[in-house]
Amino acid sequence: MLPGGLGVTEGSLTLMLVHQGLKESDAFAATFITRAVTLWFAVLVGVISVLFYQKDLEKLL
């Protein structure tokens, strides 16, 4: 078990894209961009939420 399936998911996606006819470098780039965006988008939303609601949370404590 890996957090977010790191490594295994990227390898599988890359191999599937290569199997579909993409060059290895293009398949890797597409996989890397997709995984970076999907994983880090959630982190960005979380950081913005914490900053936005931080003042409200301080009132509760």
PDB file of N, CA and C in Angstrom:
ATOM      1  N   MET A   1       0.835  -1.171   0.000  1.00  0.00           N
ATOM      2  CA  MET A   1       0.000   0.000   0.000  1.00  0.00           C
ATOM      3  C   MET A   1       0.885   1.241   0.000  1.00  0.00           C
ATOM      4  N   LEU A   2       0.641   2.077  -0.960  1.00  0.00           N
ATOM      5  CA  LEU A   2       1.398   3.308  -1.086  1.00  0.00           C
ATOM      6  C   LEU A   2       0.448   4.495  -1.022  1.00  0.00           C
ATOM      7  N   PRO A   3       0.881   5.605  -0.437  1.00  0.00           N
ATOM      8  CA  PRO A   3       0.006   6.774  -0.381  1.00  0.00           C
ATOM      9  C   PRO A   3      -0.292   7.310  -1.779  1.00  0.00           C
ATOM     10  N   GLY A   4      -1.546   7.328  -2.142  1.00  0.00           N
ATOM     11  CA  GLY A   4      -1.937   7.809  -3.466  1.00  0.00           C
ATOM     12  C   GLY A   4      -1.520   6.882  -4.586  1.00  0.00           C
ATOM     13  N   GLY A   5      -1.071   5.688  -4.266  1.00  0.00           N
ATOM     14  CA  GLY A   5      -0.620   4.764  -5.295  1.00  0.00           C
ATOM     15  C   GLY A   5       0.620   5.265  -6.018  1.00  0.00           C
ATOM     16  N   LEU A   6       1.420   6.070  -5.326  1.00  0.00           N
ATOM     17  CA  LEU A   6       2.587   6.679  -5.965  1.00  0.00           C
ATOM     18  C   LEU A   6       3.528   5.621  -6.528  1.00  0.00           C
ATOM     19  N   GLY A   7       3.917   5.822  -7.738  1.00  0.00           N
ATOM     20  CA  GLY A   7       4.830   4.907  -8.411  1.00  0.00           C
ATOM     21  C   GLY A   7       4.100   3.852  -9.214  1.00  0.00           C
ATOM     22  N   VAL A   8       3.227   3.122  -8.565  1.00  0.00           N
ATOM     23  CA  VAL A   8       2.493   2.055  -9.244  1.00  0.00           C
ATOM     24  C   VAL A   8       1.514   2.645 -10.260  1.00  0.00           C
ATOM     25  N   THR A   9       0.799   3.671  -9.851  1.00  0.00           N
ATOM     26  CA  THR A   9      -0.177   4.301 -10.741  1.00  0.00           C
ATOM     27  C   THR A   9       0.514   4.941 -11.939  1.00  0.00           C
ATOM     28  N   GLU A  10       1.580   5.645 -11.684  1.00  0.00           N
ATOM     29  CA  GLU A  10       2.301   6.299 -12.778  1.00  0.00           C
ATOM     30  C   GLU A  10       2.834   5.282 -13.773  1.00  0.00           C
ATOM     31  N   GLY A  11       3.401   4.206 -13.253  1.00  0.00           N
ATOM     32  CA  GLY A  11       3.921   3.160 -14.131  1.00  0.00           C
ATOM     33  C   GLY A  11       2.829   2.522 -14.966  1.00  0.00           C
ATOM     34  N   SER A  12       1.702   2.248 -14.333  1.00  0.00           N
ATOM     35  CA  SER A  12       0.584   1.637 -15.058  1.00  0.00           C
ATOM     36  C   SER A  12       0.040   2.559 -16.134  1.00  0.00           C
ATOM     37  N   LEU A  13      -0.150   3.826 -15.781  1.00  0.00           N
ATOM     38  CA  LEU A  13      -0.659   4.779 -16.766  1.00  0.00           C
ATOM     39  C   LEU A  13       0.300   4.939 -17.941  1.00  0.00           C
ATOM     40  N   THR A  14       1.577   5.024 -17.637  1.00  0.00           N
ATOM     41  CA  THR A  14       2.571   5.176 -18.697  1.00  0.00           C
ATOM     42  C   THR A  14       2.583   3.956 -19.615  1.00  0.00           C
ATOM     43  N   LEU A  15       2.556   2.770 -19.022  1.00  0.00           N
ATOM     44  CA  LEU A  15       2.555   1.553 -19.841  1.00  0.00           C
ATOM     45  C   LEU A  15       1.300   1.437 -20.702  1.00  0.00           C
ATOM     46  N   MET A  16       0.158   1.836 -20.151  1.00  0.00           N
ATOM     47  CA  MET A  16      -1.080   1.789 -20.946  1.00  0.00           C
ATOM     48  C   MET A  16      -1.017   2.757 -22.125  1.00  0.00           C
ATOM     49  N   LEU A  17      -0.466   3.944 -21.893  1.00  0.00           N
ATOM     50  CA  LEU A  17      -0.349   4.912 -22.983  1.00  0.00           C
ATOM     51  C   LEU A  17       0.642   4.452 -24.049  1.00  0.00           C
ATOM     52  N   VAL A  18       1.732   3.834 -23.616  1.00  0.00           N
ATOM     53  CA  VAL A  18       2.704   3.294 -24.581  1.00  0.00           C
ATOM     54  C   VAL A  18       2.050   2.170 -25.379  1.00  0.00           C
ATOM     55  N   HIS A  19       1.276   1.349 -24.715  1.00  0.00           N
ATOM     56  CA  HIS A  19       0.575   0.256 -25.390  1.00  0.00           C
ATOM     57  C   HIS A  19      -0.414   0.787 -26.440  1.00  0.00           C
ATOM     58  N   GLN A  20      -0.956   1.976 -26.191  1.00  0.00           N
ATOM     59  CA  GLN A  20      -1.892   2.580 -27.129  1.00  0.00           C
ATOM     60  C   GLN A  20      -1.187   3.282 -28.293  1.00  0.00           C
ATOM     61  N   GLY A  21       0.140   3.348 -28.257  1.00  0.00           N
ATOM     62  CA  GLY A  21       0.890   3.873 -29.385  1.00  0.00           C
ATOM     63  C   GLY A  21       1.654   5.163 -29.142  1.00  0.00           C
ATOM     64  N   LEU A  22       1.601   5.720 -27.934  1.00  0.00           N
ATOM     65  CA  LEU A  22       2.364   6.931 -27.649  1.00  0.00           C
ATOM     66  C   LEU A  22       3.838   6.583 -27.453  1.00  0.00           C
ATOM     67  N   LYS A  23       4.687   7.546 -27.757  1.00  0.00           N
ATOM     68  CA  LYS A  23       6.106   7.374 -27.456  1.00  0.00           C
ATOM     69  C   LYS A  23       6.272   7.374 -25.938  1.00  0.00           C
ATOM     70  N   GLU A  24       7.315   6.709 -25.458  1.00  0.00           N
ATOM     71  CA  GLU A  24       7.534   6.611 -24.017  1.00  0.00           C
ATOM     72  C   GLU A  24       7.668   7.974 -23.362  1.00  0.00           C
ATOM     73  N   SER A  25       8.399   8.886 -24.007  1.00  0.00           N
ATOM     74  CA  SER A  25       8.588  10.210 -23.412  1.00  0.00           C
ATOM     75  C   SER A  25       7.271  10.987 -23.333  1.00  0.00           C
ATOM     76  N   ASP A  26       6.439  10.881 -24.362  1.00  0.00           N
ATOM     77  CA  ASP A  26       5.142  11.555 -24.350  1.00  0.00           C
ATOM     78  C   ASP A  26       4.209  10.939 -23.311  1.00  0.00           C
ATOM     79  N   ALA A  27       4.245   9.632 -23.209  1.00  0.00           N
ATOM     80  CA  ALA A  27       3.403   8.940 -22.231  1.00  0.00           C
ATOM     81  C   ALA A  27       3.809   9.324 -20.811  1.00  0.00           C
ATOM     82  N   PHE A  28       5.110   9.382 -20.566  1.00  0.00           N
ATOM     83  CA  PHE A  28       5.589   9.770 -19.237  1.00  0.00           C
ATOM     84  C   PHE A  28       5.204  11.205 -18.919  1.00  0.00           C
ATOM     85  N   ALA A  29       5.369  12.106 -19.891  1.00  0.00           N
ATOM     86  CA  ALA A  29       5.033  13.519 -19.669  1.00  0.00           C
ATOM     87  C   ALA A  29       3.543  13.684 -19.378  1.00  0.00           C
ATOM     88  N   ALA A  30       2.701  13.009 -20.143  1.00  0.00           N
ATOM     89  CA  ALA A  30       1.261  13.103 -19.925  1.00  0.00           C
ATOM     90  C   ALA A  30       0.882  12.557 -18.552  1.00  0.00           C
ATOM     91  N   THR A  31       1.480  11.458 -18.171  1.00  0.00           N
ATOM     92  CA  THR A  31       1.199  10.863 -16.868  1.00  0.00           C
ATOM     93  C   THR A  31       1.667  11.775 -15.745  1.00  0.00           C
ATOM     94  N   PHE A  32       2.853  12.310 -15.879  1.00  0.00           N
ATOM     95  CA  PHE A  32       3.408  13.190 -14.844  1.00  0.00           C
ATOM     96  C   PHE A  32       2.552  14.435 -14.669  1.00  0.00           C
ATOM     97  N   ILE A  33       2.165  15.059 -15.753  1.00  0.00           N
ATOM     98  CA  ILE A  33       1.338  16.271 -15.677  1.00  0.00           C
ATOM     99  C   ILE A  33      -0.013  15.955 -15.043  1.00  0.00           C
ATOM    100  N   THR A  34      -0.629  14.877 -15.467  1.00  0.00           N
ATOM    101  CA  THR A  34      -1.941  14.503 -14.934  1.00  0.00           C
ATOM    102  C   THR A  34      -1.868  14.225 -13.440  1.00  0.00           C
ATOM    103  N   ARG A  35      -0.894  13.447 -13.026  1.00  0.00           N
ATOM    104  CA  ARG A  35      -0.780  13.098 -11.604  1.00  0.00           C
ATOM    105  C   ARG A  35      -0.396  14.312 -10.768  1.00  0.00           C
ATOM    106  N   ALA A  36       0.478  15.151 -11.271  1.00  0.00           N
ATOM    107  CA  ALA A  36       0.874  16.344 -10.513  1.00  0.00           C
ATOM    108  C   ALA A  36      -0.319  17.258 -10.303  1.00  0.00           C
ATOM    109  N   VAL A  37      -1.105  17.450 -11.346  1.00  0.00           N
ATOM    110  CA  VAL A  37      -2.263  18.335 -11.239  1.00  0.00           C
ATOM    111  C   VAL A  37      -3.311  17.742 -10.300  1.00  0.00           C
ATOM    112  N   THR A  38      -3.609  16.461 -10.432  1.00  0.00           N
ATOM    113  CA  THR A  38      -4.665  15.874  -9.609  1.00  0.00           C
ATOM    114  C   THR A  38      -4.259  15.759  -8.149  1.00  0.00           C
ATOM    115  N   LEU A  39      -3.012  15.456  -7.874  1.00  0.00           N
ATOM    116  CA  LEU A  39      -2.578  15.334  -6.487  1.00  0.00           C
ATOM    117  C   LEU A  39      -2.422  16.697  -5.820  1.00  0.00           C
ATOM    118  N   TRP A  40      -1.807  17.643  -6.502  1.00  0.00           N
ATOM    119  CA  TRP A  40      -1.510  18.934  -5.893  1.00  0.00           C
ATOM    120  C   TRP A  40      -2.677  19.896  -5.905  1.00  0.00           C
ATOM    121  N   PHE A  41      -3.691  19.648  -6.755  1.00  0.00           N
ATOM    122  CA  PHE A  41      -4.877  20.492  -6.745  1.00  0.00           C
ATOM    123  C   PHE A  41      -5.585  20.391  -5.397  1.00  0.00           C
ATOM    124  N   ALA A  42      -5.691  19.188  -4.864  1.00  0.00           N
ATOM    125  CA  ALA A  42      -6.329  18.995  -3.569  1.00  0.00           C
ATOM    126  C   ALA A  42      -5.547  19.687  -2.454  1.00  0.00           C
ATOM    127  N   VAL A  43      -4.239  19.653  -2.524  1.00  0.00           N
ATOM    128  CA  VAL A  43      -3.415  20.334  -1.521  1.00  0.00           C
ATOM    129  C   VAL A  43      -3.642  21.842  -1.597  1.00  0.00           C
ATOM    130  N   LEU A  44      -3.691  22.386  -2.794  1.00  0.00           N
ATOM    131  CA  LEU A  44      -3.915  23.814  -2.972  1.00  0.00           C
ATOM    132  C   LEU A  44      -5.283  24.235  -2.433  1.00  0.00           C
ATOM    133  N   VAL A  45      -6.307  23.457  -2.731  1.00  0.00           N
ATOM    134  CA  VAL A  45      -7.649  23.753  -2.216  1.00  0.00           C
ATOM    135  C   VAL A  45      -7.642  23.714  -0.688  1.00  0.00           C
ATOM    136  N   GLY A  46      -6.969  22.751  -0.106  1.00  0.00           N
ATOM    137  CA  GLY A  46      -6.886  22.654   1.348  1.00  0.00           C
ATOM    138  C   GLY A  46      -6.178  23.836   1.977  1.00  0.00           C
ATOM    139  N   VAL A  47      -5.076  24.267   1.403  1.00  0.00           N
ATOM    140  CA  VAL A  47      -4.332  25.412   1.933  1.00  0.00           C
ATOM    141  C   VAL A  47      -5.172  26.684   1.858  1.00  0.00           C
ATOM    142  N   ILE A  48      -5.838  26.884   0.737  1.00  0.00           N
ATOM    143  CA  ILE A  48      -6.690  28.064   0.582  1.00  0.00           C
ATOM    144  C   ILE A  48      -7.832  28.032   1.594  1.00  0.00           C
ATOM    145  N   SER A  49      -8.408  26.861   1.793  1.00  0.00           N
ATOM    146  CA  SER A  49      -9.502  26.725   2.759  1.00  0.00           C
ATOM    147  C   SER A  49      -9.032  27.042   4.168  1.00  0.00           C
ATOM    148  N   VAL A  50      -7.888  26.525   4.552  1.00  0.00           N
ATOM    149  CA  VAL A  50      -7.364  26.780   5.893  1.00  0.00           C
ATOM    150  C   VAL A  50      -7.086  28.269   6.072  1.00  0.00           C
ATOM    151  N   LEU A  51      -6.486  28.896   5.082  1.00  0.00           N
ATOM    152  CA  LEU A  51      -6.208  30.328   5.189  1.00  0.00           C
ATOM    153  C   LEU A  51      -7.499  31.134   5.256  1.00  0.00           C
ATOM    154  N   PHE A  52      -8.490  30.738   4.490  1.00  0.00           N
ATOM    155  CA  PHE A  52      -9.760  31.451   4.446  1.00  0.00           C
ATOM    156  C   PHE A  52     -10.522  31.324   5.762  1.00  0.00           C
ATOM    157  N   TYR A  53     -10.523  30.130   6.348  1.00  0.00           N
ATOM    158  CA  TYR A  53     -11.289  29.870   7.562  1.00  0.00           C
ATOM    159  C   TYR A  53     -10.468  29.974   8.833  1.00  0.00           C
ATOM    160  N   GLN A  54      -9.222  30.358   8.739  1.00  0.00           N
ATOM    161  CA  GLN A  54      -8.350  30.412   9.909  1.00  0.00           C
ATOM    162  C   GLN A  54      -8.879  31.391  10.953  1.00  0.00           C
ATOM    163  N   LYS A  55      -9.382  32.519  10.513  1.00  0.00           N
ATOM    164  CA  LYS A  55      -9.908  33.505  11.454  1.00  0.00           C
ATOM    165  C   LYS A  55     -11.126  32.954  12.190  1.00  0.00           C
ATOM    166  N   ASP A  56     -11.994  32.258  11.486  1.00  0.00           N
ATOM    167  CA  ASP A  56     -13.169  31.666  12.114  1.00  0.00           C
ATOM    168  C   ASP A  56     -12.779  30.578  13.106  1.00  0.00           C
ATOM    169  N   LEU A  57     -11.754  29.806  12.769  1.00  0.00           N
ATOM    170  CA  LEU A  57     -11.310  28.731  13.657  1.00  0.00           C
ATOM    171  C   LEU A  57     -10.700  29.287  14.935  1.00  0.00           C
ATOM    172  N   GLU A  58     -10.007  30.411  14.837  1.00  0.00           N
ATOM    173  CA  GLU A  58      -9.403  31.013  16.036  1.00  0.00           C
ATOM    174  C   GLU A  58     -10.472  31.493  17.009  1.00  0.00           C
ATOM    175  N   LYS A  59     -11.622  31.930  16.503  1.00  0.00           N
ATOM    176  CA  LYS A  59     -12.719  32.380  17.361  1.00  0.00           C
ATOM    177  C   LYS A  59     -13.286  31.216  18.170  1.00  0.00           C
ATOM    178  N   LEU A  60     -13.277  30.018  17.604  1.00  0.00           N
ATOM    179  CA  LEU A  60     -13.810  28.864  18.301  1.00  0.00           C
ATOM    180  C   LEU A  60     -12.916  28.420  19.457  1.00  0.00           C
ATOM    181  N   LEU A  61     -11.632  28.685  19.353  1.00  0.00           N
ATOM    182  CA  LEU A  61     -10.699  28.250  20.392  1.00  0.00           C
ATOM    183  C   LEU A  61     -10.572  29.312  21.408  1.00  0.00           C
TER     184      LEU A  61
END
